[in-house]
Amino acid sequence: MSDQKTQHLKWLRELTSLPTAAGREQRVLSWIRSWVDERKDLVLQEDDAGNLIIHRQDTAHNQGERPLYVTAHLDHPAFVVEERLDEHRLRVSFRGTVRDPYFVDGRINFYLDDNEIV
């Protein structure tokens, strides 16, 4: 496998393994911002709707270039803690769609702010 393909697979694994849910995409957004910050040839902009737009530095302000937009969801189905009721109980909401059979004998991991898994 080429070094470039190996690097691309590494990024894909990093990005898709981040805990995320609808309305809680901050870890993915942070990864993208850090990825762009490491590249001096790229510029990151955010529009009024919160979309991230990445430009190559040499074409960021070139009005004659036609942009290529790639869209993706930054979330996947997940439970989100809405409230801690007491030491042993949480009120959670499920965001997304998953067919019922996938929940049978399923486990739930909760990710704390420091990414510790409970």
PDB file of N, CA and C in Angstrom:
ATOM      1  N   MET A   1       0.852  -1.178   0.000  1.00  0.00           N
ATOM      2  CA  MET A   1       0.000   0.000   0.000  1.00  0.00           C
ATOM      3  C   MET A   1       0.897   1.239   0.000  1.00  0.00           C
ATOM      4  N   SER A   2       0.512   2.234  -0.775  1.00  0.00           N
ATOM      5  CA  SER A   2       1.316   3.460  -0.864  1.00  0.00           C
ATOM      6  C   SER A   2       1.266   4.227   0.452  1.00  0.00           C
ATOM      7  N   ASP A   3       2.306   5.034   0.683  1.00  0.00           N
ATOM      8  CA  ASP A   3       2.349   5.868   1.893  1.00  0.00           C
ATOM      9  C   ASP A   3       1.162   6.823   1.942  1.00  0.00           C
ATOM     10  N   GLN A   4       0.791   7.352   0.774  1.00  0.00           N
ATOM     11  CA  GLN A   4      -0.334   8.290   0.726  1.00  0.00           C
ATOM     12  C   GLN A   4      -1.638   7.582   1.113  1.00  0.00           C
ATOM     13  N   LYS A   5      -1.863   6.394   0.578  1.00  0.00           N
ATOM     14  CA  LYS A   5      -3.081   5.650   0.907  1.00  0.00           C
ATOM     15  C   LYS A   5      -3.098   5.273   2.385  1.00  0.00           C
ATOM     16  N   THR A   6      -1.950   4.896   2.924  1.00  0.00           N
ATOM     17  CA  THR A   6      -1.846   4.573   4.348  1.00  0.00           C
ATOM     18  C   THR A   6      -2.220   5.781   5.196  1.00  0.00           C
ATOM     19  N   GLN A   7      -1.730   6.961   4.818  1.00  0.00           N
ATOM     20  CA  GLN A   7      -2.049   8.186   5.555  1.00  0.00           C
ATOM     21  C   GLN A   7      -3.530   8.510   5.460  1.00  0.00           C
ATOM     22  N   HIS A   8      -4.101   8.366   4.274  1.00  0.00           N
ATOM     23  CA  HIS A   8      -5.522   8.650   4.091  1.00  0.00           C
ATOM     24  C   HIS A   8      -6.378   7.708   4.928  1.00  0.00           C
ATOM     25  N   LEU A   9      -6.024   6.434   4.991  1.00  0.00           N
ATOM     26  CA  LEU A   9      -6.761   5.476   5.824  1.00  0.00           C
ATOM     27  C   LEU A   9      -6.624   5.810   7.306  1.00  0.00           C
ATOM     28  N   LYS A  10      -5.448   6.276   7.702  1.00  0.00           N
ATOM     29  CA  LYS A  10      -5.245   6.699   9.098  1.00  0.00           C
ATOM     30  C   LYS A  10      -6.194   7.846   9.441  1.00  0.00           C
ATOM     31  N   TRP A  11      -6.263   8.850   8.555  1.00  0.00           N
ATOM     32  CA  TRP A  11      -7.161   9.984   8.798  1.00  0.00           C
ATOM     33  C   TRP A  11      -8.610   9.519   8.856  1.00  0.00           C
ATOM     34  N   LEU A  12      -8.999   8.635   7.940  1.00  0.00           N
ATOM     35  CA  LEU A  12     -10.364   8.128   7.912  1.00  0.00           C
ATOM     36  C   LEU A  12     -10.704   7.404   9.208  1.00  0.00           C
ATOM     37  N   ARG A  13      -9.803   6.567   9.675  1.00  0.00           N
ATOM     38  CA  ARG A  13     -10.048   5.840  10.936  1.00  0.00           C
ATOM     39  C   ARG A  13     -10.146   6.809  12.122  1.00  0.00           C
ATOM     40  N   GLU A  14      -9.243   7.781  12.168  1.00  0.00           N
ATOM     41  CA  GLU A  14      -9.284   8.770  13.256  1.00  0.00           C
ATOM     42  C   GLU A  14     -10.615   9.511  13.264  1.00  0.00           C
ATOM     43  N   LEU A  15     -10.989   9.991  12.105  1.00  0.00           N
ATOM     44  CA  LEU A  15     -12.188  10.820  11.988  1.00  0.00           C
ATOM     45  C   LEU A  15     -13.461  10.037  12.276  1.00  0.00           C
ATOM     46  N   THR A  16     -13.574   8.842  11.732  1.00  0.00           N
ATOM     47  CA  THR A  16     -14.805   8.068  11.897  1.00  0.00           C
ATOM     48  C   THR A  16     -14.898   7.372  13.252  1.00  0.00           C
ATOM     49  N   SER A  17     -13.825   7.373  14.020  1.00  0.00           N
ATOM     50  CA  SER A  17     -13.890   6.767  15.348  1.00  0.00           C
ATOM     51  C   SER A  17     -14.224   7.784  16.439  1.00  0.00           C
ATOM     52  N   LEU A  18     -14.324   9.051  16.079  1.00  0.00           N
ATOM     53  CA  LEU A  18     -14.646  10.080  17.072  1.00  0.00           C
ATOM     54  C   LEU A  18     -16.095   9.958  17.521  1.00  0.00           C
ATOM     55  N   PRO A  19     -16.337  10.039  18.821  1.00  0.00           N
ATOM     56  CA  PRO A  19     -17.725  10.049  19.282  1.00  0.00           C
ATOM     57  C   PRO A  19     -18.421  11.328  18.823  1.00  0.00           C
ATOM     58  N   THR A  20     -19.602  11.172  18.261  1.00  0.00           N
ATOM     59  CA  THR A  20     -20.337  12.318  17.725  1.00  0.00           C
ATOM     60  C   THR A  20     -21.815  11.974  17.671  1.00  0.00           C
ATOM     61  N   ALA A  21     -22.640  12.982  17.682  1.00  0.00           N
ATOM     62  CA  ALA A  21     -24.091  12.819  17.565  1.00  0.00           C
ATOM     63  C   ALA A  21     -24.652  14.113  16.999  1.00  0.00           C
ATOM     64  N   ALA A  22     -25.860  14.048  16.492  1.00  0.00           N
ATOM     65  CA  ALA A  22     -26.506  15.247  15.954  1.00  0.00           C
ATOM     66  C   ALA A  22     -26.521  16.333  17.023  1.00  0.00           C
ATOM     67  N   GLY A  23     -25.990  17.485  16.672  1.00  0.00           N
ATOM     68  CA  GLY A  23     -25.928  18.597  17.612  1.00  0.00           C
ATOM     69  C   GLY A  23     -24.730  18.552  18.537  1.00  0.00           C
ATOM     70  N   ARG A  24     -23.951  17.493  18.467  1.00  0.00           N
ATOM     71  CA  ARG A  24     -22.764  17.336  19.323  1.00  0.00           C
ATOM     72  C   ARG A  24     -21.549  16.948  18.473  1.00  0.00           C
ATOM     73  N   GLU A  25     -21.309  17.708  17.420  1.00  0.00           N
ATOM     74  CA  GLU A  25     -20.262  17.388  16.461  1.00  0.00           C
ATOM     75  C   GLU A  25     -18.924  18.045  16.783  1.00  0.00           C
ATOM     76  N   GLN A  26     -18.759  18.606  17.997  1.00  0.00           N
ATOM     77  CA  GLN A  26     -17.591  19.414  18.307  1.00  0.00           C
ATOM     78  C   GLN A  26     -16.272  18.659  18.166  1.00  0.00           C
ATOM     79  N   ARG A  27     -16.233  17.354  18.461  1.00  0.00           N
ATOM     80  CA  ARG A  27     -14.975  16.608  18.329  1.00  0.00           C
ATOM     81  C   ARG A  27     -14.562  16.501  16.858  1.00  0.00           C
ATOM     82  N   VAL A  28     -15.530  16.264  15.978  1.00  0.00           N
ATOM     83  CA  VAL A  28     -15.235  16.168  14.545  1.00  0.00           C
ATOM     84  C   VAL A  28     -14.786  17.532  14.024  1.00  0.00           C
ATOM     85  N   LEU A  29     -15.488  18.583  14.406  1.00  0.00           N
ATOM     86  CA  LEU A  29     -15.107  19.933  13.972  1.00  0.00           C
ATOM     87  C   LEU A  29     -13.701  20.283  14.455  1.00  0.00           C
ATOM     88  N   SER A  30     -13.381  19.913  15.666  1.00  0.00           N
ATOM     89  CA  SER A  30     -12.050  20.172  16.214  1.00  0.00           C
ATOM     90  C   SER A  30     -10.981  19.416  15.430  1.00  0.00           C
ATOM     91  N   TRP A  31     -11.267  18.154  15.065  1.00  0.00           N
ATOM     92  CA  TRP A  31     -10.316  17.370  14.283  1.00  0.00           C
ATOM     93  C   TRP A  31     -10.064  18.048  12.935  1.00  0.00           C
ATOM     94  N   ILE A  32     -11.129  18.479  12.278  1.00  0.00           N
ATOM     95  CA  ILE A  32     -10.990  19.124  10.968  1.00  0.00           C
ATOM     96  C   ILE A  32     -10.183  20.413  11.100  1.00  0.00           C
ATOM     97  N   ARG A  33     -10.489  21.227  12.107  1.00  0.00           N
ATOM     98  CA  ARG A  33      -9.754  22.483  12.297  1.00  0.00           C
ATOM     99  C   ARG A  33      -8.267  22.217  12.532  1.00  0.00           C
ATOM    100  N   SER A  34      -7.961  21.217  13.356  1.00  0.00           N
ATOM    101  CA  SER A  34      -6.559  20.877  13.622  1.00  0.00           C
ATOM    102  C   SER A  34      -5.871  20.372  12.364  1.00  0.00           C
ATOM    103  N   TRP A  35      -6.582  19.555  11.592  1.00  0.00           N
ATOM    104  CA  TRP A  35      -6.027  19.012  10.348  1.00  0.00           C
ATOM    105  C   TRP A  35      -5.662  20.149   9.395  1.00  0.00           C
ATOM    106  N   VAL A  36      -6.555  21.128   9.260  1.00  0.00           N
ATOM    107  CA  VAL A  36      -6.278  22.262   8.371  1.00  0.00           C
ATOM    108  C   VAL A  36      -5.151  23.123   8.941  1.00  0.00           C
ATOM    109  N   ASP A  37      -5.148  23.346  10.259  1.00  0.00           N
ATOM    110  CA  ASP A  37      -4.104  24.168  10.884  1.00  0.00           C
ATOM    111  C   ASP A  37      -2.700  23.614  10.637  1.00  0.00           C
ATOM    112  N   GLU A  38      -2.584  22.307  10.477  1.00  0.00           N
ATOM    113  CA  GLU A  38      -1.280  21.682  10.242  1.00  0.00           C
ATOM    114  C   GLU A  38      -0.793  21.857   8.803  1.00  0.00           C
ATOM    115  N   ARG A  39      -1.616  22.404   7.947  1.00  0.00           N
ATOM    116  CA  ARG A  39      -1.292  22.547   6.533  1.00  0.00           C
ATOM    117  C   ARG A  39      -1.264  24.021   6.146  1.00  0.00           C
ATOM    118  N   LYS A  40      -0.078  24.512   5.879  1.00  0.00           N
ATOM    119  CA  LYS A  40       0.088  25.934   5.550  1.00  0.00           C
ATOM    120  C   LYS A  40      -0.486  26.281   4.185  1.00  0.00           C
ATOM    121  N   ASP A  41      -0.788  25.268   3.364  1.00  0.00           N
ATOM    122  CA  ASP A  41      -1.329  25.533   2.025  1.00  0.00           C
ATOM    123  C   ASP A  41      -2.850  25.599   2.019  1.00  0.00           C
ATOM    124  N   LEU A  42      -3.478  25.456   3.203  1.00  0.00           N
ATOM    125  CA  LEU A  42      -4.937  25.467   3.283  1.00  0.00           C
ATOM    126  C   LEU A  42      -5.437  26.599   4.166  1.00  0.00           C
ATOM    127  N   VAL A  43      -6.647  27.068   3.853  1.00  0.00           N
ATOM    128  CA  VAL A  43      -7.324  28.114   4.621  1.00  0.00           C
ATOM    129  C   VAL A  43      -8.706  27.586   4.982  1.00  0.00           C
ATOM    130  N   LEU A  44      -9.106  27.779   6.220  1.00  0.00           N
ATOM    131  CA  LEU A  44     -10.416  27.324   6.677  1.00  0.00           C
ATOM    132  C   LEU A  44     -11.315  28.528   6.921  1.00  0.00           C
ATOM    133  N   GLN A  45     -12.526  28.453   6.387  1.00  0.00           N
ATOM    134  CA  GLN A  45     -13.542  29.478   6.644  1.00  0.00           C
ATOM    135  C   GLN A  45     -14.791  28.780   7.157  1.00  0.00           C
ATOM    136  N   GLU A  46     -15.582  29.510   7.900  1.00  0.00           N
ATOM    137  CA  GLU A  46     -16.860  28.994   8.370  1.00  0.00           C
ATOM    138  C   GLU A  46     -17.947  29.970   7.943  1.00  0.00           C
ATOM    139  N   ASP A  47     -18.999  29.460   7.320  1.00  0.00           N
ATOM    140  CA  ASP A  47     -20.062  30.353   6.869  1.00  0.00           C
ATOM    141  C   ASP A  47     -21.068  30.583   8.001  1.00  0.00           C
ATOM    142  N   ASP A  48     -22.075  31.394   7.742  1.00  0.00           N
ATOM    143  CA  ASP A  48     -23.066  31.754   8.764  1.00  0.00           C
ATOM    144  C   ASP A  48     -23.850  30.556   9.277  1.00  0.00           C
ATOM    145  N   ALA A  49     -23.944  29.493   8.485  1.00  0.00           N
ATOM    146  CA  ALA A  49     -24.677  28.293   8.896  1.00  0.00           C
ATOM    147  C   ALA A  49     -23.787  27.297   9.639  1.00  0.00           C
ATOM    148  N   GLY A  50     -22.507  27.619   9.792  1.00  0.00           N
ATOM    149  CA  GLY A  50     -21.588  26.731  10.488  1.00  0.00           C
ATOM    150  C   GLY A  50     -20.877  25.734   9.597  1.00  0.00           C
ATOM    151  N   ASN A  51     -21.083  25.826   8.279  1.00  0.00           N
ATOM    152  CA  ASN A  51     -20.374  24.950   7.351  1.00  0.00           C
ATOM    153  C   ASN A  51     -18.901  25.330   7.294  1.00  0.00           C
ATOM    154  N   LEU A  52     -18.037  24.332   7.287  1.00  0.00           N
ATOM    155  CA  LEU A  52     -16.608  24.573   7.148  1.00  0.00           C
ATOM    156  C   LEU A  52     -16.246  24.517   5.678  1.00  0.00           C
ATOM    157  N   ILE A  53     -15.493  25.505   5.236  1.00  0.00           N
ATOM    158  CA  ILE A  53     -15.079  25.589   3.838  1.00  0.00           C
ATOM    159  C   ILE A  53     -13.557  25.663   3.821  1.00  0.00           C
ATOM    160  N   ILE A  54     -12.945  24.712   3.116  1.00  0.00           N
ATOM    161  CA  ILE A  54     -11.490  24.640   3.035  1.00  0.00           C
ATOM    162  C   ILE A  54     -11.058  25.057   1.635  1.00  0.00           C
ATOM    163  N   HIS A  55     -10.139  26.007   1.589  1.00  0.00           N
ATOM    164  CA  HIS A  55      -9.581  26.483   0.321  1.00  0.00           C
ATOM    165  C   HIS A  55      -8.089  26.181   0.304  1.00  0.00           C
ATOM    166  N   ARG A  56      -7.553  25.984  -0.876  1.00  0.00           N
ATOM    167  CA  ARG A  56      -6.099  25.997  -1.022  1.00  0.00           C
ATOM    168  C   ARG A  56      -5.659  27.444  -0.911  1.00  0.00           C
ATOM    169  N   GLN A  57      -4.563  27.666  -0.256  1.00  0.00           N
ATOM    170  CA  GLN A  57      -4.056  29.019  -0.009  1.00  0.00           C
ATOM    171  C   GLN A  57      -3.908  29.812  -1.308  1.00  0.00           C
ATOM    172  N   ASP A  58      -3.426  29.173  -2.356  1.00  0.00           N
ATOM    173  CA  ASP A  58      -3.164  29.896  -3.602  1.00  0.00           C
ATOM    174  C   ASP A  58      -4.425  30.180  -4.409  1.00  0.00           C
ATOM    175  N   THR A  59      -5.580  29.608  -4.021  1.00  0.00           N
ATOM    176  CA  THR A  59      -6.828  29.866  -4.759  1.00  0.00           C
ATOM    177  C   THR A  59      -7.925  30.417  -3.860  1.00  0.00           C
ATOM    178  N   ALA A  60      -7.592  30.701  -2.609  1.00  0.00           N
ATOM    179  CA  ALA A  60      -8.624  31.118  -1.650  1.00  0.00           C
ATOM    180  C   ALA A  60      -9.371  32.368  -2.080  1.00  0.00           C
ATOM    181  N   HIS A  61      -8.686  33.248  -2.764  1.00  0.00           N
ATOM    182  CA  HIS A  61      -9.324  34.505  -3.140  1.00  0.00           C
ATOM    183  C   HIS A  61      -9.413  34.682  -4.653  1.00  0.00           C
ATOM    184  N   ASN A  62      -9.208  33.607  -5.379  1.00  0.00           N
ATOM    185  CA  ASN A  62      -9.265  33.670  -6.833  1.00  0.00           C
ATOM    186  C   ASN A  62     -10.715  33.500  -7.278  1.00  0.00           C
ATOM    187  N   GLN A  63     -11.338  34.574  -7.670  1.00  0.00           N
ATOM    188  CA  GLN A  63     -12.754  34.559  -8.029  1.00  0.00           C
ATOM    189  C   GLN A  63     -13.036  33.788  -9.317  1.00  0.00           C
ATOM    190  N   GLY A  64     -12.016  33.557 -10.142  1.00  0.00           N
ATOM    191  CA  GLY A  64     -12.215  32.863 -11.402  1.00  0.00           C
ATOM    192  C   GLY A  64     -12.313  31.354 -11.256  1.00  0.00           C
ATOM    193  N   GLU A  65     -11.903  30.807 -10.113  1.00  0.00           N
ATOM    194  CA  GLU A  65     -11.919  29.361  -9.894  1.00  0.00           C
ATOM    195  C   GLU A  65     -13.322  28.894  -9.509  1.00  0.00           C
ATOM    196  N   ARG A  66     -13.736  27.777 -10.091  1.00  0.00           N
ATOM    197  CA  ARG A  66     -15.014  27.170  -9.711  1.00  0.00           C
ATOM    198  C   ARG A  66     -14.756  26.213  -8.552  1.00  0.00           C
ATOM    199  N   PRO A  67     -15.440  26.383  -7.438  1.00  0.00           N
ATOM    200  CA  PRO A  67     -15.171  25.534  -6.274  1.00  0.00           C
ATOM    201  C   PRO A  67     -15.734  24.127  -6.452  1.00  0.00           C
ATOM    202  N   LEU A  68     -15.139  23.198  -5.761  1.00  0.00           N
ATOM    203  CA  LEU A  68     -15.650  21.843  -5.652  1.00  0.00           C
ATOM    204  C   LEU A  68     -16.075  21.675  -4.202  1.00  0.00           C
ATOM    205  N   TYR A  69     -17.345  21.371  -3.978  1.00  0.00           N
ATOM    206  CA  TYR A  69     -17.845  21.178  -2.626  1.00  0.00           C
ATOM    207  C   TYR A  69     -18.065  19.695  -2.373  1.00  0.00           C
ATOM    208  N   VAL A  70     -17.560  19.218  -1.264  1.00  0.00           N
ATOM    209  CA  VAL A  70     -17.766  17.850  -0.822  1.00  0.00           C
ATOM    210  C   VAL A  70     -18.545  17.942   0.481  1.00  0.00           C
ATOM    211  N   THR A  71     -19.662  17.264   0.543  1.00  0.00           N
ATOM    212  CA  THR A  71     -20.486  17.346   1.751  1.00  0.00           C
ATOM    213  C   THR A  71     -20.454  16.020   2.491  1.00  0.00           C
ATOM    214  N   ALA A  72     -20.620  16.109   3.797  1.00  0.00           N
ATOM    215  CA  ALA A  72     -20.644  14.907   4.622  1.00  0.00           C
ATOM    216  C   ALA A  72     -21.349  15.222   5.929  1.00  0.00           C
ATOM    217  N   HIS A  73     -21.972  14.221   6.478  1.00  0.00           N
ATOM    218  CA  HIS A  73     -22.523  14.350   7.823  1.00  0.00           C
ATOM    219  C   HIS A  73     -21.368  14.259   8.814  1.00  0.00           C
ATOM    220  N   LEU A  74     -21.432  15.037   9.854  1.00  0.00           N
ATOM    221  CA  LEU A  74     -20.403  15.010  10.887  1.00  0.00           C
ATOM    222  C   LEU A  74     -20.840  14.186  12.093  1.00  0.00           C
ATOM    223  N   ASP A  75     -21.981  13.559  11.983  1.00  0.00           N
ATOM    224  CA  ASP A  75     -22.506  12.808  13.119  1.00  0.00           C
ATOM    225  C   ASP A  75     -22.873  11.401  12.676  1.00  0.00           C
ATOM    226  N   HIS A  76     -23.195  10.578  13.658  1.00  0.00           N
ATOM    227  CA  HIS A  76     -23.778   9.270  13.396  1.00  0.00           C
ATOM    228  C   HIS A  76     -24.754   8.985  14.529  1.00  0.00           C
ATOM    229  N   PRO A  77     -25.604   7.979  14.372  1.00  0.00           N
ATOM    230  CA  PRO A  77     -26.605   7.716  15.415  1.00  0.00           C
ATOM    231  C   PRO A  77     -25.944   7.521  16.782  1.00  0.00           C
ATOM    232  N   ALA A  78     -26.556   8.114  17.802  1.00  0.00           N
ATOM    233  CA  ALA A  78     -25.963   8.035  19.134  1.00  0.00           C
ATOM    234  C   ALA A  78     -26.970   8.449  20.189  1.00  0.00           C
ATOM    235  N   PHE A  79     -26.729   7.958  21.395  1.00  0.00           N
ATOM    236  CA  PHE A  79     -27.454   8.444  22.554  1.00  0.00           C
ATOM    237  C   PHE A  79     -26.735   9.682  23.070  1.00  0.00           C
ATOM    238  N   VAL A  80     -27.498  10.648  23.543  1.00  0.00           N
ATOM    239  CA  VAL A  80     -26.941  11.866  24.124  1.00  0.00           C
ATOM    240  C   VAL A  80     -27.515  12.009  25.524  1.00  0.00           C
ATOM    241  N   VAL A  81     -26.646  12.236  26.490  1.00  0.00           N
ATOM    242  CA  VAL A  81     -27.095  12.443  27.870  1.00  0.00           C
ATOM    243  C   VAL A  81     -27.745  13.812  27.956  1.00  0.00           C
ATOM    244  N   GLU A  82     -28.991  13.817  28.348  1.00  0.00           N
ATOM    245  CA  GLU A  82     -29.730  15.068  28.521  1.00  0.00           C
ATOM    246  C   GLU A  82     -29.692  15.541  29.974  1.00  0.00           C
ATOM    247  N   GLU A  83     -29.641  14.558  30.901  1.00  0.00           N
ATOM    248  CA  GLU A  83     -29.678  14.932  32.322  1.00  0.00           C
ATOM    249  C   GLU A  83     -29.177  13.770  33.168  1.00  0.00           C
ATOM    250  N   ARG A  84     -28.407  14.090  34.177  1.00  0.00           N
ATOM    251  CA  ARG A  84     -28.008  13.082  35.162  1.00  0.00           C
ATOM    252  C   ARG A  84     -29.020  13.141  36.294  1.00  0.00           C
ATOM    253  N   LEU A  85     -29.794  12.073  36.458  1.00  0.00           N
ATOM    254  CA  LEU A  85     -30.864  12.051  37.456  1.00  0.00           C
ATOM    255  C   LEU A  85     -30.327  11.786  38.855  1.00  0.00           C
ATOM    256  N   ASP A  86     -29.373  10.895  38.964  1.00  0.00           N
ATOM    257  CA  ASP A  86     -28.700  10.612  40.222  1.00  0.00           C
ATOM    258  C   ASP A  86     -27.421   9.849  39.889  1.00  0.00           C
ATOM    259  N   GLU A  87     -26.784   9.283  40.903  1.00  0.00           N
ATOM    260  CA  GLU A  87     -25.498   8.625  40.702  1.00  0.00           C
ATOM    261  C   GLU A  87     -25.564   7.439  39.740  1.00  0.00           C
ATOM    262  N   HIS A  88     -26.745   6.830  39.595  1.00  0.00           N
ATOM    263  CA  HIS A  88     -26.862   5.609  38.799  1.00  0.00           C
ATOM    264  C   HIS A  88     -27.790   5.727  37.595  1.00  0.00           C
ATOM    265  N   ARG A  89     -28.421   6.874  37.401  1.00  0.00           N
ATOM    266  CA  ARG A  89     -29.407   6.984  36.316  1.00  0.00           C
ATOM    267  C   ARG A  89     -29.190   8.263  35.509  1.00  0.00           C
ATOM    268  N   LEU A  90     -29.410   8.097  34.201  1.00  0.00           N
ATOM    269  CA  LEU A  90     -29.305   9.211  33.266  1.00  0.00           C
ATOM    270  C   LEU A  90     -30.577   9.278  32.437  1.00  0.00           C
ATOM    271  N   ARG A  91     -30.916  10.472  32.007  1.00  0.00           N
ATOM    272  CA  ARG A  91     -31.970  10.622  30.997  1.00  0.00           C
ATOM    273  C   ARG A  91     -31.247  10.886  29.692  1.00  0.00           C
ATOM    274  N   VAL A  92     -31.483  10.021  28.701  1.00  0.00           N
ATOM    275  CA  VAL A  92     -30.804  10.142  27.416  1.00  0.00           C
ATOM    276  C   VAL A  92     -31.828  10.269  26.298  1.00  0.00           C
ATOM    277  N   SER A  93     -31.385  10.819  25.182  1.00  0.00           N
ATOM    278  CA  SER A  93     -32.207  10.834  23.975  1.00  0.00           C
ATOM    279  C   SER A  93     -31.402  10.146  22.887  1.00  0.00           C
ATOM    280  N   PHE A  94     -32.115   9.511  21.968  1.00  0.00           N
ATOM    281  CA  PHE A  94     -31.437   8.866  20.851  1.00  0.00           C
ATOM    282  C   PHE A  94     -31.573   9.759  19.641  1.00  0.00           C
ATOM    283  N   ARG A  95     -30.447  10.058  19.012  1.00  0.00           N
ATOM    284  CA  ARG A  95     -30.433  10.918  17.830  1.00  0.00           C
ATOM    285  C   ARG A  95     -29.949  10.102  16.640  1.00  0.00           C
ATOM    286  N   GLY A  96     -30.800   9.985  15.661  1.00  0.00           N
ATOM    287  CA  GLY A  96     -30.459   9.227  14.474  1.00  0.00           C
ATOM    288  C   GLY A  96     -31.449   8.097  14.260  1.00  0.00           C
ATOM    289  N   THR A  97     -31.112   7.229  13.339  1.00  0.00           N
ATOM    290  CA  THR A  97     -31.977   6.110  13.008  1.00  0.00           C
ATOM    291  C   THR A  97     -31.162   4.828  12.977  1.00  0.00           C
ATOM    292  N   VAL A  98     -31.632   3.833  13.698  1.00  0.00           N
ATOM    293  CA  VAL A  98     -31.021   2.507  13.705  1.00  0.00           C
ATOM    294  C   VAL A  98     -32.154   1.497  13.783  1.00  0.00           C
ATOM    295  N   ARG A  99     -32.070   0.451  13.018  1.00  0.00           N
ATOM    296  CA  ARG A  99     -33.104  -0.587  13.052  1.00  0.00           C
ATOM    297  C   ARG A  99     -33.057  -1.329  14.385  1.00  0.00           C
ATOM    298  N   ASP A 100     -34.234  -1.675  14.895  1.00  0.00           N
ATOM    299  CA  ASP A 100     -34.365  -2.303  16.211  1.00  0.00           C
ATOM    300  C   ASP A 100     -33.447  -3.502  16.446  1.00  0.00           C
ATOM    301  N   PRO A 101     -33.251  -4.418  15.483  1.00  0.00           N
ATOM    302  CA  PRO A 101     -32.399  -5.582  15.761  1.00  0.00           C
ATOM    303  C   PRO A 101     -30.983  -5.233  16.216  1.00  0.00           C
ATOM    304  N   TYR A 102     -30.482  -4.062  15.834  1.00  0.00           N
ATOM    305  CA  TYR A 102     -29.135  -3.689  16.245  1.00  0.00           C
ATOM    306  C   TYR A 102     -29.046  -3.342  17.729  1.00  0.00           C
ATOM    307  N   PHE A 103     -30.167  -3.105  18.362  1.00  0.00           N
ATOM    308  CA  PHE A 103     -30.164  -2.783  19.788  1.00  0.00           C
ATOM    309  C   PHE A 103     -30.190  -4.026  20.669  1.00  0.00           C
ATOM    310  N   VAL A 104     -30.573  -5.172  20.136  1.00  0.00           N
ATOM    311  CA  VAL A 104     -30.666  -6.395  20.924  1.00  0.00           C
ATOM    312  C   VAL A 104     -29.278  -6.755  21.446  1.00  0.00           C
ATOM    313  N   ASP A 105     -29.177  -6.886  22.761  1.00  0.00           N
ATOM    314  CA  ASP A 105     -27.913  -7.191  23.442  1.00  0.00           C
ATOM    315  C   ASP A 105     -26.820  -6.166  23.146  1.00  0.00           C
ATOM    316  N   GLY A 106     -27.221  -4.979  22.746  1.00  0.00           N
ATOM    317  CA  GLY A 106     -26.244  -3.936  22.448  1.00  0.00           C
ATOM    318  C   GLY A 106     -25.699  -3.297  23.714  1.00  0.00           C
ATOM    319  N   ARG A 107     -24.529  -2.731  23.597  1.00  0.00           N
ATOM    320  CA  ARG A 107     -23.905  -2.010  24.704  1.00  0.00           C
ATOM    321  C   ARG A 107     -23.860  -0.531  24.350  1.00  0.00           C
ATOM    322  N   ILE A 108     -23.827   0.296  25.356  1.00  0.00           N
ATOM    323  CA  ILE A 108     -23.718   1.741  25.148  1.00  0.00           C
ATOM    324  C   ILE A 108     -22.456   2.221  25.838  1.00  0.00           C
ATOM    325  N   ASN A 109     -21.627   2.937  25.111  1.00  0.00           N
ATOM    326  CA  ASN A 109     -20.478   3.620  25.698  1.00  0.00           C
ATOM    327  C   ASN A 109     -20.840   5.087  25.837  1.00  0.00           C
ATOM    328  N   PHE A 110     -20.550   5.658  26.995  1.00  0.00           N
ATOM    329  CA  PHE A 110     -20.726   7.086  27.204  1.00  0.00           C
ATOM    330  C   PHE A 110     -19.344   7.719  27.230  1.00  0.00           C
ATOM    331  N   TYR A 111     -19.178   8.794  26.459  1.00  0.00           N
ATOM    332  CA  TYR A 111     -17.896   9.484  26.372  1.00  0.00           C
ATOM    333  C   TYR A 111     -17.987  10.768  27.182  1.00  0.00           C
ATOM    334  N   LEU A 112     -17.076  10.897  28.141  1.00  0.00           N
ATOM    335  CA  LEU A 112     -17.015  12.114  28.935  1.00  0.00           C
ATOM    336  C   LEU A 112     -16.283  13.200  28.133  1.00  0.00           C
ATOM    337  N   ASP A 113     -16.309  14.415  28.642  1.00  0.00           N
ATOM    338  CA  ASP A 113     -15.669  15.527  27.930  1.00  0.00           C
ATOM    339  C   ASP A 113     -14.197  15.270  27.638  1.00  0.00           C
ATOM    340  N   ASP A 114     -13.520  14.516  28.501  1.00  0.00           N
ATOM    341  CA  ASP A 114     -12.091  14.225  28.286  1.00  0.00           C
ATOM    342  C   ASP A 114     -11.896  12.942  27.482  1.00  0.00           C
ATOM    343  N   ASN A 115     -12.974  12.440  26.864  1.00  0.00           N
ATOM    344  CA  ASN A 115     -12.997  11.238  26.025  1.00  0.00           C
ATOM    345  C   ASN A 115     -12.870   9.940  26.811  1.00  0.00           C
ATOM    346  N   GLU A 116     -12.903  10.027  28.153  1.00  0.00           N
ATOM    347  CA  GLU A 116     -12.947   8.805  28.947  1.00  0.00           C
ATOM    348  C   GLU A 116     -14.255   8.077  28.631  1.00  0.00           C
ATOM    349  N   ILE A 117     -14.186   6.759  28.496  1.00  0.00           N
ATOM    350  CA  ILE A 117     -15.362   5.950  28.189  1.00  0.00           C
ATOM    351  C   ILE A 117     -15.912   5.350  29.466  1.00  0.00           C
ATOM    352  N   VAL A 118     -17.222   5.492  29.639  1.00  0.00           N
ATOM    353  CA  VAL A 118     -17.908   4.908  30.801  1.00  0.00           C
ATOM    354  C   VAL A 118     -18.877   3.858  30.280  1.00  0.00           C
TER     355      VAL A 118
END
